[in-house]
Amino acid sequence: MTTRVQHRSRKALRYSLEEFKAAYNLPDDEAARLFQRFGPSIRELDTLMRAKTMRGNISLDNAPTSSDGSSRSGK
């Protein structure tokens, strides 16, 4: 049995600069810079913007801590 898969048109997978700017409430210059650098792909731009918002929530300090909360590395 064959299942028919519907594909989105290429246009449906792209932002216009105005759509991108509005979707993320970006200033004109920032939206244009990102759009020029990463292109109009909805997937790429959405992934980029998700990563930018998560950046502040990721702890880069992986030093183990002791039970009293002090760092074991001595720093």
C-alpha atoms as a PDB file:
ATOM      1  CA  MET A   1       0.000   0.000   0.000  1.00  0.00           C
ATOM      2  CA  THR A   2       1.331   3.426  -0.945  1.00  0.00           C
ATOM      3  CA  THR A   3       0.642   6.488   1.170  1.00  0.00           C
ATOM      4  CA  ARG A   4       0.575   9.770  -0.653  1.00  0.00           C
ATOM      5  CA  VAL A   5       2.627  12.473   1.018  1.00  0.00           C
ATOM      6  CA  GLN A   6       1.762  16.088   0.457  1.00  0.00           C
ATOM      7  CA  HIS A   7       4.731  18.430   0.288  1.00  0.00           C
ATOM      8  CA  ARG A   8       4.688  22.088   1.121  1.00  0.00           C
ATOM      9  CA  SER A   9       5.576  24.463  -1.631  1.00  0.00           C
ATOM     10  CA  ARG A  10       8.998  26.078  -1.480  1.00  0.00           C
ATOM     11  CA  LYS A  11       7.363  29.426  -0.754  1.00  0.00           C
ATOM     12  CA  ALA A  12       5.667  27.994   2.340  1.00  0.00           C
ATOM     13  CA  LEU A  13       9.056  27.088   3.812  1.00  0.00           C
ATOM     14  CA  ARG A  14      10.486  30.598   3.560  1.00  0.00           C
ATOM     15  CA  TYR A  15      10.041  33.846   5.446  1.00  0.00           C
ATOM     16  CA  SER A  16       9.886  37.176   3.738  1.00  0.00           C
ATOM     17  CA  LEU A  17      12.068  39.720   5.526  1.00  0.00           C
ATOM     18  CA  GLU A  18       8.942  41.453   6.847  1.00  0.00           C
ATOM     19  CA  GLU A  19       7.447  38.171   8.135  1.00  0.00           C
ATOM     20  CA  PHE A  20      10.687  37.272   9.910  1.00  0.00           C
ATOM     21  CA  LYS A  21      11.009  40.718  11.448  1.00  0.00           C
ATOM     22  CA  ALA A  22       7.404  40.617  12.685  1.00  0.00           C
ATOM     23  CA  ALA A  23       7.604  37.016  13.951  1.00  0.00           C
ATOM     24  CA  TYR A  24      10.461  37.860  16.322  1.00  0.00           C
ATOM     25  CA  ASN A  25       9.840  41.590  16.844  1.00  0.00           C
ATOM     26  CA  LEU A  26      13.307  42.434  15.533  1.00  0.00           C
ATOM     27  CA  PRO A  27      14.695  45.844  14.602  1.00  0.00           C
ATOM     28  CA  ASP A  28      15.135  46.387  10.850  1.00  0.00           C
ATOM     29  CA  ASP A  29      18.943  46.163  10.877  1.00  0.00           C
ATOM     30  CA  GLU A  30      19.090  42.978  12.990  1.00  0.00           C
ATOM     31  CA  ALA A  31      16.426  41.213  10.907  1.00  0.00           C
ATOM     32  CA  ALA A  32      18.197  42.170   7.675  1.00  0.00           C
ATOM     33  CA  ARG A  33      21.585  40.999   8.997  1.00  0.00           C
ATOM     34  CA  LEU A  34      20.258  37.592  10.091  1.00  0.00           C
ATOM     35  CA  PHE A  35      18.162  37.185   6.952  1.00  0.00           C
ATOM     36  CA  GLN A  36      21.176  37.934   4.741  1.00  0.00           C
ATOM     37  CA  ARG A  37      23.482  35.636   6.702  1.00  0.00           C
ATOM     38  CA  PHE A  38      21.146  32.641   7.124  1.00  0.00           C
ATOM     39  CA  GLY A  39      18.736  33.052   4.227  1.00  0.00           C
ATOM     40  CA  PRO A  40      14.932  32.890   4.202  1.00  0.00           C
ATOM     41  CA  SER A  41      14.572  29.269   5.428  1.00  0.00           C
ATOM     42  CA  ILE A  42      11.915  29.086   8.141  1.00  0.00           C
ATOM     43  CA  ARG A  43      13.616  26.053   9.676  1.00  0.00           C
ATOM     44  CA  GLU A  44      17.031  27.681   9.891  1.00  0.00           C
ATOM     45  CA  LEU A  45      15.779  31.028  11.159  1.00  0.00           C
ATOM     46  CA  ASP A  46      13.442  29.465  13.736  1.00  0.00           C
ATOM     47  CA  THR A  47      16.245  27.192  14.967  1.00  0.00           C
ATOM     48  CA  LEU A  48      18.606  30.158  15.188  1.00  0.00           C
ATOM     49  CA  MET A  49      16.124  32.221  17.153  1.00  0.00           C
ATOM     50  CA  ARG A  50      15.356  29.324  19.521  1.00  0.00           C
ATOM     51  CA  ALA A  51      19.084  28.913  20.150  1.00  0.00           C
ATOM     52  CA  LYS A  52      19.450  32.634  20.821  1.00  0.00           C
ATOM     53  CA  THR A  53      16.680  32.546  23.436  1.00  0.00           C
ATOM     54  CA  MET A  54      18.061  29.395  25.089  1.00  0.00           C
ATOM     55  CA  ARG A  55      21.584  30.763  25.297  1.00  0.00           C
ATOM     56  CA  GLY A  56      20.900  32.542  28.579  1.00  0.00           C
ATOM     57  CA  ASN A  57      19.376  29.401  30.099  1.00  0.00           C
ATOM     58  CA  ILE A  58      22.322  27.069  29.504  1.00  0.00           C
ATOM     59  CA  SER A  59      24.930  26.769  32.224  1.00  0.00           C
ATOM     60  CA  LEU A  60      28.428  26.475  30.825  1.00  0.00           C
ATOM     61  CA  ASP A  61      29.943  25.818  34.243  1.00  0.00           C
ATOM     62  CA  ASN A  62      30.252  22.035  34.463  1.00  0.00           C
ATOM     63  CA  ALA A  63      32.557  22.001  37.464  1.00  0.00           C
ATOM     64  CA  PRO A  64      31.364  19.424  39.986  1.00  0.00           C
ATOM     65  CA  THR A  65      30.354  20.780  43.373  1.00  0.00           C
ATOM     66  CA  SER A  66      30.686  19.261  46.807  1.00  0.00           C
ATOM     67  CA  SER A  67      27.730  18.667  49.104  1.00  0.00           C
ATOM     68  CA  ASP A  68      28.248  22.104  50.716  1.00  0.00           C
ATOM     69  CA  GLY A  69      27.915  23.766  47.284  1.00  0.00           C
ATOM     70  CA  SER A  70      31.550  24.801  46.913  1.00  0.00           C
ATOM     71  CA  SER A  71      33.432  24.015  43.728  1.00  0.00           C
ATOM     72  CA  ARG A  72      35.747  21.030  43.858  1.00  0.00           C
ATOM     73  CA  SER A  73      38.102  22.625  41.367  1.00  0.00           C
ATOM     74  CA  GLY A  74      39.132  25.255  43.918  1.00  0.00           C
ATOM     75  CA  LYS A  75      38.306  28.119  41.580  1.00  0.00           C
END
